[in-house]
Amino acid sequence: GGSTNYADSVKGRFTISRTNAKNTVY
C-alpha cells in the first residue's frame, strides 16, 4: 500500500520507493 519504514541508522538519508508499473523498487 506504500507505507514505509526505515532502520534508525538510515532515517533521513535513505528513501525507498516503488513503481508498480515497472515491477521495480528503488
PDB file of all heavy atoms in Angstrom:
ATOM      1  N   GLY A   1       0.787  -1.227   0.000  1.00  0.00           N
ATOM      2  CA  GLY A   1       0.000   0.000   0.000  1.00  0.00           C
ATOM      3  C   GLY A   1       0.818   1.275   0.000  1.00  0.00           C
ATOM      4  O   GLY A   1       0.253   2.364  -0.064  1.00  0.00           O
ATOM      5  N   GLY A   2       2.141   1.138   0.086  1.00  0.00           N
ATOM      6  CA  GLY A   2       3.018   2.302   0.015  1.00  0.00           C
ATOM      7  C   GLY A   2       3.538   2.829   1.337  1.00  0.00           C
ATOM      8  O   GLY A   2       4.290   3.811   1.352  1.00  0.00           O
ATOM      9  N   SER A   3       3.188   2.206   2.441  1.00  0.00           N
ATOM     10  CA  SER A   3       3.732   2.627   3.733  1.00  0.00           C
ATOM     11  C   SER A   3       5.201   2.234   3.816  1.00  0.00           C
ATOM     12  O   SER A   3       5.596   1.163   3.338  1.00  0.00           O
ATOM     13  CB  SER A   3       2.959   1.967   4.867  1.00  0.00           C
ATOM     14  OG  SER A   3       1.602   2.353   4.843  1.00  0.00           O
ATOM     15  N   THR A   4       5.988   3.095   4.449  1.00  0.00           N
ATOM     16  CA  THR A   4       7.422   2.854   4.535  1.00  0.00           C
ATOM     17  C   THR A   4       7.903   2.842   5.976  1.00  0.00           C
ATOM     18  O   THR A   4       7.303   3.472   6.856  1.00  0.00           O
ATOM     19  CB  THR A   4       8.213   3.924   3.766  1.00  0.00           C
ATOM     20  OG1 THR A   4       7.928   5.212   4.321  1.00  0.00           O
ATOM     21  CG2 THR A   4       7.852   3.924   2.290  1.00  0.00           C
ATOM     22  N   ASN A   5       8.978   2.107   6.218  1.00  0.00           N
ATOM     23  CA  ASN A   5       9.679   2.216   7.483  1.00  0.00           C
ATOM     24  C   ASN A   5      11.166   1.958   7.237  1.00  0.00           C
ATOM     25  O   ASN A   5      11.541   1.308   6.260  1.00  0.00           O
ATOM     26  CB  ASN A   5       9.105   1.284   8.554  1.00  0.00           C
ATOM     27  CG  ASN A   5       9.180  -0.179   8.199  1.00  0.00           C
ATOM     28  OD1 ASN A   5       8.385  -0.670   7.426  1.00  0.00           O
ATOM     29  ND2 ASN A   5      10.149  -0.875   8.773  1.00  0.00           N
ATOM     30  N   TYR A   6      11.979   2.497   8.140  1.00  0.00           N
ATOM     31  CA  TYR A   6      13.430   2.519   7.960  1.00  0.00           C
ATOM     32  C   TYR A   6      14.153   2.123   9.241  1.00  0.00           C
ATOM     33  O   TYR A   6      13.668   2.369  10.346  1.00  0.00           O
ATOM     34  CB  TYR A   6      13.894   3.925   7.574  1.00  0.00           C
ATOM     35  CG  TYR A   6      13.334   4.433   6.268  1.00  0.00           C
ATOM     36  CD1 TYR A   6      12.139   5.139   6.229  1.00  0.00           C
ATOM     37  CD2 TYR A   6      14.004   4.195   5.071  1.00  0.00           C
ATOM     38  CE1 TYR A   6      11.614   5.593   5.033  1.00  0.00           C
ATOM     39  CE2 TYR A   6      13.502   4.649   3.866  1.00  0.00           C
ATOM     40  CZ  TYR A   6      12.301   5.350   3.859  1.00  0.00           C
ATOM     41  OH  TYR A   6      11.792   5.800   2.664  1.00  0.00           O
ATOM     42  N   ALA A   7      15.331   1.555   9.058  1.00  0.00           N
ATOM     43  CA  ALA A   7      16.222   1.366  10.193  1.00  0.00           C
ATOM     44  C   ALA A   7      16.643   2.737  10.708  1.00  0.00           C
ATOM     45  O   ALA A   7      16.805   3.686   9.926  1.00  0.00           O
ATOM     46  CB  ALA A   7      17.443   0.562   9.767  1.00  0.00           C
ATOM     47  N   ASP A   8      16.834   2.845  12.018  1.00  0.00           N
ATOM     48  CA  ASP A   8      17.225   4.128  12.603  1.00  0.00           C
ATOM     49  C   ASP A   8      18.510   4.664  11.975  1.00  0.00           C
ATOM     50  O   ASP A   8      18.679   5.872  11.815  1.00  0.00           O
ATOM     51  CB  ASP A   8      17.405   3.985  14.110  1.00  0.00           C
ATOM     52  CG  ASP A   8      16.086   3.834  14.849  1.00  0.00           C
ATOM     53  OD1 ASP A   8      15.026   4.150  14.258  1.00  0.00           O
ATOM     54  OD2 ASP A   8      16.115   3.399  16.009  1.00  0.00           O
ATOM     55  N   SER A   9      19.410   3.757  11.614  1.00  0.00           N
ATOM     56  CA  SER A   9      20.721   4.160  11.104  1.00  0.00           C
ATOM     57  C   SER A   9      20.658   4.842   9.735  1.00  0.00           C
ATOM     58  O   SER A   9      21.631   5.483   9.326  1.00  0.00           O
ATOM     59  CB  SER A   9      21.649   2.949  11.028  1.00  0.00           C
ATOM     60  OG  SER A   9      21.102   1.951  10.179  1.00  0.00           O
ATOM     61  N   VAL A  10      19.543   4.698   9.029  1.00  0.00           N
ATOM     62  CA  VAL A  10      19.459   5.273   7.679  1.00  0.00           C
ATOM     63  C   VAL A  10      18.353   6.322   7.555  1.00  0.00           C
ATOM     64  O   VAL A  10      18.208   6.940   6.501  1.00  0.00           O
ATOM     65  CB  VAL A  10      19.258   4.186   6.607  1.00  0.00           C
ATOM     66  CG1 VAL A  10      20.326   3.109   6.727  1.00  0.00           C
ATOM     67  CG2 VAL A  10      17.866   3.577   6.665  1.00  0.00           C
ATOM     68  N   LYS A  11      17.582   6.541   8.604  1.00  0.00           N
ATOM     69  CA  LYS A  11      16.495   7.522   8.549  1.00  0.00           C
ATOM     70  C   LYS A  11      17.039   8.900   8.187  1.00  0.00           C
ATOM     71  O   LYS A  11      18.045   9.343   8.732  1.00  0.00           O
ATOM     72  CB  LYS A  11      15.769   7.587   9.887  1.00  0.00           C
ATOM     73  CG  LYS A  11      14.787   6.457  10.119  1.00  0.00           C
ATOM     74  CD  LYS A  11      14.084   6.603  11.464  1.00  0.00           C
ATOM     75  CE  LYS A  11      13.134   5.453  11.709  1.00  0.00           C
ATOM     76  NZ  LYS A  11      12.514   5.528  13.055  1.00  0.00           N
ATOM     77  N   GLY A  12      16.352   9.541   7.258  1.00  0.00           N
ATOM     78  CA  GLY A  12      16.771  10.871   6.826  1.00  0.00           C
ATOM     79  C   GLY A  12      17.822  10.853   5.729  1.00  0.00           C
ATOM     80  O   GLY A  12      18.109  11.898   5.138  1.00  0.00           O
ATOM     81  N   ARG A  13      18.396   9.696   5.443  1.00  0.00           N
ATOM     82  CA  ARG A  13      19.425   9.587   4.399  1.00  0.00           C
ATOM     83  C   ARG A  13      18.974   8.701   3.237  1.00  0.00           C
ATOM     84  O   ARG A  13      19.333   8.959   2.091  1.00  0.00           O
ATOM     85  CB  ARG A  13      20.717   9.018   4.976  1.00  0.00           C
ATOM     86  CG  ARG A  13      21.325   9.852   6.086  1.00  0.00           C
ATOM     87  CD  ARG A  13      22.710   9.353   6.473  1.00  0.00           C
ATOM     88  NE  ARG A  13      22.671   7.983   6.991  1.00  0.00           N
ATOM     89  CZ  ARG A  13      23.376   6.977   6.469  1.00  0.00           C
ATOM     90  NH1 ARG A  13      24.145   7.163   5.406  1.00  0.00           N
ATOM     91  NH2 ARG A  13      23.306   5.762   7.008  1.00  0.00           N
ATOM     92  N   PHE A  14      18.213   7.658   3.533  1.00  0.00           N
ATOM     93  CA  PHE A  14      17.767   6.705   2.510  1.00  0.00           C
ATOM     94  C   PHE A  14      16.270   6.871   2.274  1.00  0.00           C
ATOM     95  O   PHE A  14      15.510   7.169   3.195  1.00  0.00           O
ATOM     96  CB  PHE A  14      18.023   5.268   2.953  1.00  0.00           C
ATOM     97  CG  PHE A  14      19.470   4.857   3.018  1.00  0.00           C
ATOM     98  CD1 PHE A  14      20.506   5.771   2.896  1.00  0.00           C
ATOM     99  CD2 PHE A  14      19.798   3.515   3.202  1.00  0.00           C
ATOM    100  CE1 PHE A  14      21.835   5.377   2.966  1.00  0.00           C
ATOM    101  CE2 PHE A  14      21.114   3.091   3.267  1.00  0.00           C
ATOM    102  CZ  PHE A  14      22.128   4.030   3.149  1.00  0.00           C
ATOM    103  N   THR A  15      15.861   6.626   1.039  1.00  0.00           N
ATOM    104  CA  THR A  15      14.450   6.667   0.681  1.00  0.00           C
ATOM    105  C   THR A  15      14.109   5.461  -0.180  1.00  0.00           C
ATOM    106  O   THR A  15      14.767   5.222  -1.203  1.00  0.00           O
ATOM    107  CB  THR A  15      14.107   7.954  -0.096  1.00  0.00           C
ATOM    108  OG1 THR A  15      14.458   9.096   0.691  1.00  0.00           O
ATOM    109  CG2 THR A  15      12.618   8.000  -0.417  1.00  0.00           C
ATOM    110  N   ILE A  16      13.102   4.722   0.242  1.00  0.00           N
ATOM    111  CA  ILE A  16      12.621   3.589  -0.542  1.00  0.00           C
ATOM    112  C   ILE A  16      11.369   4.010  -1.307  1.00  0.00           C
ATOM    113  O   ILE A  16      10.535   4.771  -0.792  1.00  0.00           O
ATOM    114  CB  ILE A  16      12.338   2.365   0.360  1.00  0.00           C
ATOM    115  CG1 ILE A  16      12.062   1.121  -0.485  1.00  0.00           C
ATOM    116  CG2 ILE A  16      11.218   2.634   1.355  1.00  0.00           C
ATOM    117  CD1 ILE A  16      11.998  -0.175   0.328  1.00  0.00           C
ATOM    118  N   SER A  17      11.254   3.533  -2.536  1.00  0.00           N
ATOM    119  CA  SER A  17      10.075   3.836  -3.342  1.00  0.00           C
ATOM    120  C   SER A  17       9.826   2.664  -4.295  1.00  0.00           C
ATOM    121  O   SER A  17      10.691   1.797  -4.467  1.00  0.00           O
ATOM    122  CB  SER A  17      10.277   5.138  -4.128  1.00  0.00           C
ATOM    123  OG  SER A  17      11.369   5.030  -5.020  1.00  0.00           O
ATOM    124  N   ARG A  18       8.653   2.670  -4.882  1.00  0.00           N
ATOM    125  CA  ARG A  18       8.324   1.593  -5.819  1.00  0.00           C
ATOM    126  C   ARG A  18       7.528   2.130  -6.986  1.00  0.00           C
ATOM    127  O   ARG A  18       6.789   3.117  -6.844  1.00  0.00           O
ATOM    128  CB  ARG A  18       7.528   0.486  -5.117  1.00  0.00           C
ATOM    129  CG  ARG A  18       6.180   0.902  -4.582  1.00  0.00           C
ATOM    130  CD  ARG A  18       5.577  -0.178  -3.677  1.00  0.00           C
ATOM    131  NE  ARG A  18       5.283  -1.414  -4.392  1.00  0.00           N
ATOM    132  CZ  ARG A  18       5.135  -2.601  -3.795  1.00  0.00           C
ATOM    133  NH1 ARG A  18       5.247  -2.689  -2.479  1.00  0.00           N
ATOM    134  NH2 ARG A  18       4.854  -3.671  -4.522  1.00  0.00           N
ATOM    135  N   THR A  19       7.685   1.467  -8.135  1.00  0.00           N
ATOM    136  CA  THR A  19       6.891   1.763  -9.316  1.00  0.00           C
ATOM    137  C   THR A  19       6.253   0.458  -9.763  1.00  0.00           C
ATOM    138  O   THR A  19       6.910  -0.395 -10.381  1.00  0.00           O
ATOM    139  CB  THR A  19       7.769   2.343 -10.441  1.00  0.00           C
ATOM    140  OG1 THR A  19       8.409   3.535  -9.984  1.00  0.00           O
ATOM    141  CG2 THR A  19       6.921   2.673 -11.657  1.00  0.00           C
ATOM    142  N   ASN A  20       4.997   0.287  -9.430  1.00  0.00           N
ATOM    143  CA  ASN A  20       4.332  -0.985  -9.727  1.00  0.00           C
ATOM    144  C   ASN A  20       4.252  -1.251 -11.224  1.00  0.00           C
ATOM    145  O   ASN A  20       4.330  -2.402 -11.664  1.00  0.00           O
ATOM    146  CB  ASN A  20       2.947  -1.015  -9.108  1.00  0.00           C
ATOM    147  CG  ASN A  20       2.978  -1.162  -7.591  1.00  0.00           C
ATOM    148  OD1 ASN A  20       4.021  -1.509  -7.012  1.00  0.00           O
ATOM    149  ND2 ASN A  20       1.865  -0.856  -6.950  1.00  0.00           N
ATOM    150  N   ALA A  21       4.130  -0.213 -12.008  1.00  0.00           N
ATOM    151  CA  ALA A  21       4.037  -0.391 -13.464  1.00  0.00           C
ATOM    152  C   ALA A  21       5.314  -0.990 -14.044  1.00  0.00           C
ATOM    153  O   ALA A  21       5.286  -1.598 -15.118  1.00  0.00           O
ATOM    154  CB  ALA A  21       3.723   0.933 -14.129  1.00  0.00           C
ATOM    155  N   LYS A  22       6.423  -0.816 -13.319  1.00  0.00           N
ATOM    156  CA  LYS A  22       7.701  -1.357 -13.787  1.00  0.00           C
ATOM    157  C   LYS A  22       8.170  -2.537 -12.952  1.00  0.00           C
ATOM    158  O   LYS A  22       9.292  -3.027 -13.133  1.00  0.00           O
ATOM    159  CB  LYS A  22       8.773  -0.261 -13.773  1.00  0.00           C
ATOM    160  CG  LYS A  22       8.504   0.864 -14.747  1.00  0.00           C
ATOM    161  CD  LYS A  22       9.659   1.858 -14.761  1.00  0.00           C
ATOM    162  CE  LYS A  22       9.422   2.955 -15.794  1.00  0.00           C
ATOM    163  NZ  LYS A  22      10.545   3.928 -15.835  1.00  0.00           N
ATOM    164  N   ASN A  23       7.341  -2.969 -11.998  1.00  0.00           N
ATOM    165  CA  ASN A  23       7.722  -4.075 -11.110  1.00  0.00           C
ATOM    166  C   ASN A  23       9.084  -3.826 -10.464  1.00  0.00           C
ATOM    167  O   ASN A  23       9.909  -4.748 -10.348  1.00  0.00           O
ATOM    168  CB  ASN A  23       7.753  -5.406 -11.877  1.00  0.00           C
ATOM    169  CG  ASN A  23       6.380  -5.959 -12.163  1.00  0.00           C
ATOM    170  OD1 ASN A  23       5.374  -5.276 -11.984  1.00  0.00           O
ATOM    171  ND2 ASN A  23       6.317  -7.194 -12.626  1.00  0.00           N
ATOM    172  N   THR A  24       9.296  -2.612 -10.021  1.00  0.00           N
ATOM    173  CA  THR A  24      10.612  -2.216  -9.534  1.00  0.00           C
ATOM    174  C   THR A  24      10.499  -1.451  -8.224  1.00  0.00           C
ATOM    175  O   THR A  24       9.594  -0.634  -8.046  1.00  0.00           O
ATOM    176  CB  THR A  24      11.338  -1.358 -10.584  1.00  0.00           C
ATOM    177  OG1 THR A  24      11.476  -2.108 -11.796  1.00  0.00           O
ATOM    178  CG2 THR A  24      12.724  -0.958 -10.100  1.00  0.00           C
ATOM    179  N   VAL A  25      11.430  -1.724  -7.338  1.00  0.00           N
ATOM    180  CA  VAL A  25      11.575  -0.967  -6.096  1.00  0.00           C
ATOM    181  C   VAL A  25      12.970  -0.346  -6.091  1.00  0.00           C
ATOM    182  O   VAL A  25      13.924  -0.925  -6.624  1.00  0.00           O
ATOM    183  CB  VAL A  25      11.342  -1.862  -4.859  1.00  0.00           C
ATOM    184  CG1 VAL A  25      12.367  -2.973  -4.771  1.00  0.00           C
ATOM    185  CG2 VAL A  25      11.330  -1.049  -3.580  1.00  0.00           C
ATOM    186  N   TYR A  26      13.065   0.838  -5.506  1.00  0.00           N
ATOM    187  CA  TYR A  26      14.305   1.598  -5.507  1.00  0.00           C
ATOM    188  C   TYR A  26      14.745   1.905  -4.078  1.00  0.00           C
ATOM    189  O   TYR A  26      13.927   1.959  -3.159  1.00  0.00           O
ATOM    190  CB  TYR A  26      14.119   2.916  -6.254  1.00  0.00           C
ATOM    191  CG  TYR A  26      13.587   2.768  -7.654  1.00  0.00           C
ATOM    192  CD1 TYR A  26      12.219   2.888  -7.910  1.00  0.00           C
ATOM    193  CD2 TYR A  26      14.439   2.500  -8.714  1.00  0.00           C
ATOM    194  CE1 TYR A  26      11.720   2.747  -9.188  1.00  0.00           C
ATOM    195  CE2 TYR A  26      13.948   2.353 -10.004  1.00  0.00           C
ATOM    196  CZ  TYR A  26      12.589   2.477 -10.236  1.00  0.00           C
ATOM    197  OH  TYR A  26      12.088   2.334 -11.503  1.00  0.00           O
TER     198      TYR A  26
END
